[in-house]
């Protein structure tokens, strides 16, 4: 009786195996290999060339094709120190420990372990530890929550700005890539990277303070204006137009000439002209503001300050392009 049951199960197994499609057999074989040998990375990349941080990233051979970055990479993406323990130390800080939920904390305690052998590598595989990159978005959400609840200290404020940029740029890139796939457009690697870099720059601009407080402090002093509790004095609007934007406009096309030259000779010829103009315009603005603050600090009163501004930014813009 017992032998008959074993034979029946064997026959049933053979019948099920024969009914499987080729795709189903491949998936079963993959799962069996993962169960036996553990996860392996099929592809590897690095953020250094495009984003300036030396962090490896991988794609695993599991069913989800999980995208992975290292623990140090999680920290570097958020503007933390390159030390390996910077990321866990940040998460363990008082403010963050109060907003990171139990589920996310549990995932972050268990990094993914996998093997990387490289393409055509002859040597043994190396063991690598990393995190599902989507956890970075969950961490960013927790950081923003900590910011909203005023749980971050002064030294951690810059991390919140990074979190906003990462989430918003990732959302834009994600919805764009979804439309690409639905429409049947296969974007190249460079197109995907370039688009994400542009989204990062756009989002970073939203959180950058272009006009430093030092300039306003000098204007309060020189023009003998009381500092209001909210907003800026009406006078500042006129000063901004007269002393910042008017001199910039008097560059007599030098900014546009520089944009065209860099676009023609640079490595990033794919960029549209307005993208170059935006970047160089920001650099010119920052340079001008720095010079204006220097003039203000050296001037003892309003008369001396305005005389120096007129002398330097009068008929010709003082930009050395």
Protein backbone atom coordinates (compact mmCIF):
# COMPACT_ATOMS: atom_id res chain seq x y z
CA UNK A 1 0.00 0.00 0.00
CA UNK A 2 2.78 2.35 0.98
CA UNK A 3 4.74 1.60 -2.20
CA UNK A 4 1.61 2.31 -4.25
CA UNK A 5 1.33 5.79 -2.60
CA UNK A 6 4.99 6.60 -3.35
CA UNK A 7 4.57 5.46 -6.95
CA UNK A 8 1.42 7.58 -7.25
CA UNK A 9 3.19 10.70 -5.97
CA UNK A 10 6.12 10.10 -8.35
CA UNK A 11 3.78 9.74 -11.31
CA UNK A 12 1.94 12.90 -10.25
CA UNK A 13 5.23 14.78 -10.03
CA UNK A 14 6.24 13.64 -13.50
CA UNK A 15 2.86 14.67 -14.89
CA UNK A 16 3.12 18.16 -13.32
CA UNK A 17 6.66 18.55 -14.63
CA UNK A 18 5.57 17.63 -18.13
CA UNK A 19 2.72 20.15 -18.00
CA UNK A 20 5.04 23.08 -17.18
CA UNK A 21 5.94 25.62 -19.82
CA UNK A 22 9.59 26.43 -20.60
CA UNK A 23 9.22 29.76 -18.76
CA UNK A 24 7.85 28.07 -15.66
CA UNK A 25 10.69 25.53 -15.68
CA UNK A 26 13.27 28.35 -15.90
CA UNK A 27 11.69 30.17 -12.95
CA UNK A 28 11.64 27.01 -10.84
CA UNK A 29 15.29 26.37 -11.72
CA UNK A 30 16.21 29.94 -10.74
CA UNK A 31 14.46 29.64 -7.39
CA UNK A 32 16.16 26.32 -6.75
CA UNK A 33 19.58 27.83 -7.56
CA UNK A 34 18.97 30.79 -5.25
CA UNK A 35 17.86 28.46 -2.46
CA UNK A 36 20.98 26.33 -2.91
CA UNK A 37 23.68 28.92 -3.60
CA UNK A 38 22.15 32.17 -2.30
CA UNK A 39 21.53 35.45 -4.12
CA UNK A 40 23.88 36.56 -6.86
CA UNK A 41 24.34 39.89 -8.60
CA UNK A 42 24.01 39.79 -12.37
CA UNK A 43 25.02 43.42 -12.99
CA UNK A 44 27.14 46.03 -11.22
CA UNK A 45 27.50 49.81 -11.66
CA UNK A 46 28.87 52.82 -9.80
CA UNK A 47 27.61 56.34 -9.05
CA UNK A 48 31.06 57.97 -9.23
CA UNK A 49 31.21 59.14 -12.84
CA UNK A 50 27.70 60.58 -13.00
CA UNK A 51 26.99 61.64 -9.41
CA UNK A 52 30.38 62.02 -7.75
CA UNK A 53 29.96 59.42 -5.01
CA UNK A 54 32.01 56.24 -5.14
CA UNK A 55 29.23 53.75 -4.44
CA UNK A 56 28.67 50.41 -6.15
CA UNK A 57 25.17 49.36 -7.14
CA UNK A 58 23.93 45.93 -8.19
CA UNK A 59 20.99 44.07 -9.70
CA UNK A 60 20.24 40.69 -8.11
CA UNK A 61 19.05 37.46 -9.70
CA UNK A 62 15.96 37.12 -7.52
CA UNK A 63 12.40 37.22 -8.86
CA UNK A 64 12.06 40.99 -8.25
CA UNK A 65 15.43 41.80 -9.84
CA UNK A 66 16.20 43.79 -6.71
CA UNK A 67 18.33 46.92 -7.17
CA UNK A 68 20.87 47.23 -4.35
CA UNK A 69 23.32 49.81 -2.96
CA UNK A 70 25.69 49.50 -0.03
CA UNK A 71 25.17 50.73 3.53
CA UNK A 72 27.79 53.45 3.02
CA UNK A 73 26.02 54.32 -0.24
CA UNK A 74 22.78 54.94 1.67
CA UNK A 75 24.64 57.40 3.87
CA UNK A 76 26.53 59.13 1.06
CA UNK A 77 23.31 59.66 -0.90
CA UNK A 78 21.98 61.57 2.12
CA UNK A 79 25.08 63.71 2.47
CA UNK A 80 26.47 61.81 5.46
CA UNK A 81 30.16 61.14 6.08
CA UNK A 82 31.77 58.34 4.01
CA UNK A 83 32.41 56.25 7.12
CA UNK A 84 30.68 52.88 7.09
CA UNK A 85 28.90 53.53 10.40
CA UNK A 86 27.62 57.03 9.54
CA UNK A 87 24.27 55.75 8.25
CA UNK A 88 23.37 53.48 11.21
CA UNK A 89 24.56 56.17 13.66
CA UNK A 90 22.28 58.71 11.99
CA UNK A 91 19.30 56.33 12.19
CA UNK A 92 20.08 55.68 15.87
CA UNK A 93 20.05 59.41 16.73
CA UNK A 94 17.27 60.53 19.07
CA UNK A 95 15.20 62.33 16.45
CA UNK A 96 15.38 59.61 13.82
CA UNK A 97 14.84 56.70 16.21
CA UNK A 98 11.48 58.26 17.11
CA UNK A 99 10.18 58.32 13.53
CA UNK A 100 11.67 55.19 11.92
CA UNK A 101 8.93 52.58 12.22
CA UNK A 102 9.50 49.07 13.51
CA UNK A 103 9.05 47.51 10.06
CA UNK A 104 11.63 49.76 8.40
CA UNK A 105 14.03 49.41 11.33
CA UNK A 106 13.82 45.62 11.06
CA UNK A 107 14.64 45.71 7.34
CA UNK A 108 17.61 48.00 7.93
CA UNK A 109 18.99 45.60 10.53
CA UNK A 110 19.13 42.82 7.93
CA UNK A 111 21.16 43.84 4.87
CA UNK A 112 20.96 41.63 1.81
CA UNK A 113 23.86 39.21 1.39
CA UNK A 114 24.79 38.14 -2.12
CA UNK A 115 27.67 37.12 -4.36
CA UNK A 116 29.32 39.03 -7.18
CA UNK A 117 31.56 37.22 -9.63
CA UNK A 118 31.78 39.82 -12.36
CA UNK A 119 31.47 39.28 -16.10
CA UNK A 120 33.81 36.55 -17.24
CA UNK A 121 35.67 36.61 -13.91
CA UNK A 122 37.98 33.66 -13.33
CA UNK A 123 38.47 34.15 -9.58
CA UNK A 124 36.08 33.23 -6.77
CA UNK A 125 32.94 35.24 -6.09
CA UNK A 126 33.04 37.95 -3.44
CA UNK A 127 30.43 38.34 -0.73
CA UNK A 128 28.65 41.71 -0.72
CA UNK A 129 26.20 43.27 1.75
CA UNK A 130 23.72 45.92 0.68
CA UNK A 131 20.16 47.24 0.87
CA UNK A 132 17.23 47.26 -1.50
CA UNK A 133 17.55 50.78 -2.92
CA UNK A 134 13.82 51.41 -2.45
CA UNK A 135 14.52 51.47 1.30
CA UNK A 136 16.33 54.76 0.65
CA UNK A 137 12.95 56.28 -0.26
CA UNK A 138 11.43 54.95 2.97
CA UNK A 139 14.32 56.43 4.94
CA UNK A 140 13.85 59.78 3.17
CA UNK A 141 10.16 59.78 4.14
CA UNK A 142 11.15 59.18 7.77
CA UNK A 143 13.68 62.04 7.58
CA UNK A 144 11.05 64.43 6.22
CA UNK A 145 8.68 63.37 8.99
CA UNK A 146 11.42 64.08 11.54
CA UNK A 147 11.93 67.50 9.94
CA UNK A 148 8.21 68.30 10.09
CA UNK A 149 8.08 67.28 13.76
CA UNK A 150 11.24 69.36 14.44
CA UNK A 151 13.19 66.35 15.67
CA UNK A 152 16.36 67.01 13.62
CA UNK A 153 19.22 68.97 15.14
CA UNK A 154 21.04 71.78 13.33
CA UNK A 155 23.77 69.46 12.02
CA UNK A 156 21.14 67.22 10.43
CA UNK A 157 19.21 69.89 8.52
CA UNK A 158 21.21 69.34 5.33
CA UNK A 159 20.14 65.68 5.34
CA UNK A 160 16.48 66.75 5.14
CA UNK A 161 17.23 68.79 2.01
CA UNK A 162 18.86 65.75 0.43
CA UNK A 163 15.82 63.66 1.36
CA UNK A 164 13.45 66.07 -0.39
CA UNK A 165 15.61 66.08 -3.52
CA UNK A 166 15.91 62.27 -3.65
CA UNK A 167 12.17 61.66 -3.23
CA UNK A 168 11.02 64.27 -5.72
CA UNK A 169 13.64 63.47 -8.36
CA UNK A 170 12.94 59.74 -8.01
CA UNK A 171 9.20 60.31 -8.39
CA UNK A 172 9.70 62.33 -11.58
CA UNK A 173 12.13 59.80 -13.03
CA UNK A 174 9.85 56.92 -12.05
CA UNK A 175 6.72 58.27 -13.72
CA UNK A 176 8.70 59.22 -16.82
CA UNK A 177 10.19 55.73 -17.14
CA UNK A 178 6.75 54.17 -16.64
CA UNK A 179 5.37 56.17 -19.55
CA UNK A 180 8.41 55.19 -21.63
CA UNK A 181 7.70 51.50 -21.00
CA UNK A 182 3.95 51.77 -21.59
CA UNK A 183 4.57 53.64 -24.82
CA UNK A 184 7.14 51.09 -25.97
CA UNK A 185 10.09 53.50 -25.85
CA UNK A 186 13.36 51.88 -24.73
CA UNK A 187 15.46 54.64 -23.19
CA UNK A 188 19.21 54.15 -23.35
CA UNK A 189 21.32 53.98 -20.20
CA UNK A 190 22.64 57.50 -20.84
CA UNK A 191 19.16 58.92 -21.40
CA UNK A 192 17.97 57.50 -18.07
CA UNK A 193 21.02 58.81 -16.18
CA UNK A 194 20.83 62.24 -17.84
CA UNK A 195 17.14 62.61 -17.05
CA UNK A 196 17.67 61.74 -13.39
CA UNK A 197 20.59 64.17 -13.11
CA UNK A 198 18.39 66.92 -14.50
CA UNK A 199 15.60 66.11 -12.04
CA UNK A 200 18.13 66.17 -9.16
CA UNK A 201 19.41 69.60 -10.25
CA UNK A 202 15.87 70.97 -10.55
CA UNK A 203 14.90 69.70 -7.11
CA UNK A 204 18.14 70.90 -5.50
CA UNK A 205 17.43 74.41 -6.77
CA UNK A 206 14.13 74.38 -4.89
CA UNK A 207 15.94 73.93 -1.58
CA UNK A 208 18.95 76.14 -2.20
CA UNK A 209 19.01 79.59 -0.66
CA UNK A 210 20.33 81.78 -3.47
CA UNK A 211 20.34 85.04 -1.49
CA UNK A 212 22.44 84.63 1.67
CA UNK A 213 21.44 86.21 4.98
CA UNK A 214 24.78 88.06 5.07
CA UNK A 215 23.64 90.35 2.24
CA UNK A 216 20.41 91.23 4.02
CA UNK A 217 22.27 91.88 7.28
CA UNK A 218 24.55 94.34 5.49
CA UNK A 219 21.59 96.06 3.84
CA UNK A 220 19.90 96.49 7.23
CA UNK A 221 23.08 98.12 8.52
CA UNK A 222 23.87 100.35 5.57
CA UNK A 223 20.31 101.55 4.94
CA UNK A 224 19.52 101.77 8.68
CA UNK A 225 16.44 99.61 8.34
CA UNK A 226 14.91 97.73 11.29
CA UNK A 227 14.78 93.96 10.78
CA UNK A 228 11.08 92.93 10.75
CA UNK A 229 9.93 89.71 12.39
CA UNK A 230 8.44 88.50 9.12
CA UNK A 231 9.27 89.05 5.44
CA UNK A 232 11.74 91.61 4.08
CA UNK A 233 11.41 95.41 3.88
CA UNK A 234 9.93 96.81 0.66
CA UNK A 235 13.25 98.59 0.06
CA UNK A 236 14.94 95.23 -0.48
CA UNK A 237 12.90 94.59 -3.62
CA UNK A 238 14.32 97.71 -5.26
CA UNK A 239 17.86 96.94 -4.07
CA UNK A 240 17.60 93.43 -5.54
CA UNK A 241 16.55 94.80 -8.94
CA UNK A 242 19.05 97.65 -9.00
CA UNK A 243 22.11 95.96 -7.51
CA UNK A 244 21.65 92.29 -8.49
CA UNK A 245 19.49 91.73 -11.55
CA UNK A 246 20.31 94.92 -13.48
CA UNK A 247 24.09 94.31 -13.40
CA UNK A 248 23.50 90.68 -14.41
CA UNK A 249 21.42 91.86 -17.36
CA UNK A 250 24.30 94.13 -18.43
CA UNK A 251 26.56 91.22 -19.19
CA UNK A 252 25.90 92.23 -22.84
CA UNK A 253 25.35 88.67 -23.97
CA UNK A 254 28.54 87.30 -22.40
CA UNK A 255 26.59 84.70 -20.42
CA UNK A 256 24.82 83.48 -23.56
CA UNK A 257 28.11 83.42 -25.49
CA UNK A 258 29.69 81.30 -22.74
CA UNK A 259 26.72 78.94 -22.75
CA UNK A 260 27.01 78.37 -26.49
CA UNK A 261 30.76 77.87 -26.30
CA UNK A 262 30.55 75.30 -23.50
CA UNK A 263 27.73 73.45 -25.22
CA UNK A 264 29.73 73.26 -28.45
CA UNK A 265 32.98 72.13 -26.86
CA UNK A 266 31.87 70.29 -23.73
CA UNK A 267 31.18 66.62 -23.14
CA UNK A 268 27.48 67.21 -22.51
CA UNK A 269 26.46 68.36 -25.98
CA UNK A 270 23.14 66.58 -25.57
CA UNK A 271 21.96 69.30 -23.21
CA UNK A 272 19.50 71.86 -24.43
CA UNK A 273 20.61 75.49 -24.39
CA UNK A 274 18.21 76.49 -21.61
CA UNK A 275 19.73 73.84 -19.32
CA UNK A 276 23.20 75.31 -19.78
CA UNK A 277 21.83 78.83 -19.39
CA UNK A 278 20.17 77.90 -16.11
CA UNK A 279 23.36 76.39 -14.67
CA UNK A 280 25.67 79.20 -15.77
CA UNK A 281 23.11 81.82 -14.74
CA UNK A 282 23.14 80.41 -11.20
CA UNK A 283 26.95 80.51 -11.12
CA UNK A 284 26.93 84.12 -12.32
CA UNK A 285 24.34 85.07 -9.70
CA UNK A 286 26.36 83.48 -6.90
CA UNK A 287 29.54 85.18 -8.06
CA UNK A 288 27.77 88.54 -8.18
CA UNK A 289 26.23 88.12 -4.72
CA UNK A 290 29.62 87.22 -3.26
CA UNK A 291 31.16 90.38 -4.72
CA UNK A 292 28.23 92.48 -3.49
CA UNK A 293 28.62 91.16 0.07
CA UNK A 294 32.33 91.96 -0.05
CA UNK A 295 31.61 95.55 -1.14
CA UNK A 296 29.00 95.92 1.61
CA UNK A 297 31.32 94.66 4.35
CA UNK A 298 34.04 97.14 3.34
CA UNK A 299 31.64 100.10 3.21
CA UNK A 300 31.08 102.16 6.37
CA UNK A 301 27.77 103.71 5.26
CA UNK A 302 25.16 103.84 2.52
CA UNK A 303 26.89 106.58 0.50
CA UNK A 304 30.20 104.74 0.34
CA UNK A 305 28.46 101.45 -0.47
CA UNK A 306 26.42 102.85 -3.36
CA UNK A 307 29.46 104.66 -4.74
CA UNK A 308 31.42 101.38 -4.80
CA UNK A 309 28.51 99.47 -6.34
CA UNK A 310 28.22 102.06 -9.12
CA UNK A 311 31.98 102.01 -9.68
CA UNK A 312 32.18 98.23 -10.04
CA UNK A 313 28.80 97.35 -11.55
CA UNK A 314 28.03 100.58 -13.40
CA UNK A 315 27.99 100.57 -17.18
CA UNK A 316 29.78 97.25 -17.55
CA UNK A 317 29.11 94.07 -15.64
CA UNK A 318 32.19 92.96 -13.67
CA UNK A 319 32.05 89.33 -14.75
CA UNK A 320 35.24 87.63 -15.81
CA UNK A 321 33.99 84.93 -18.17
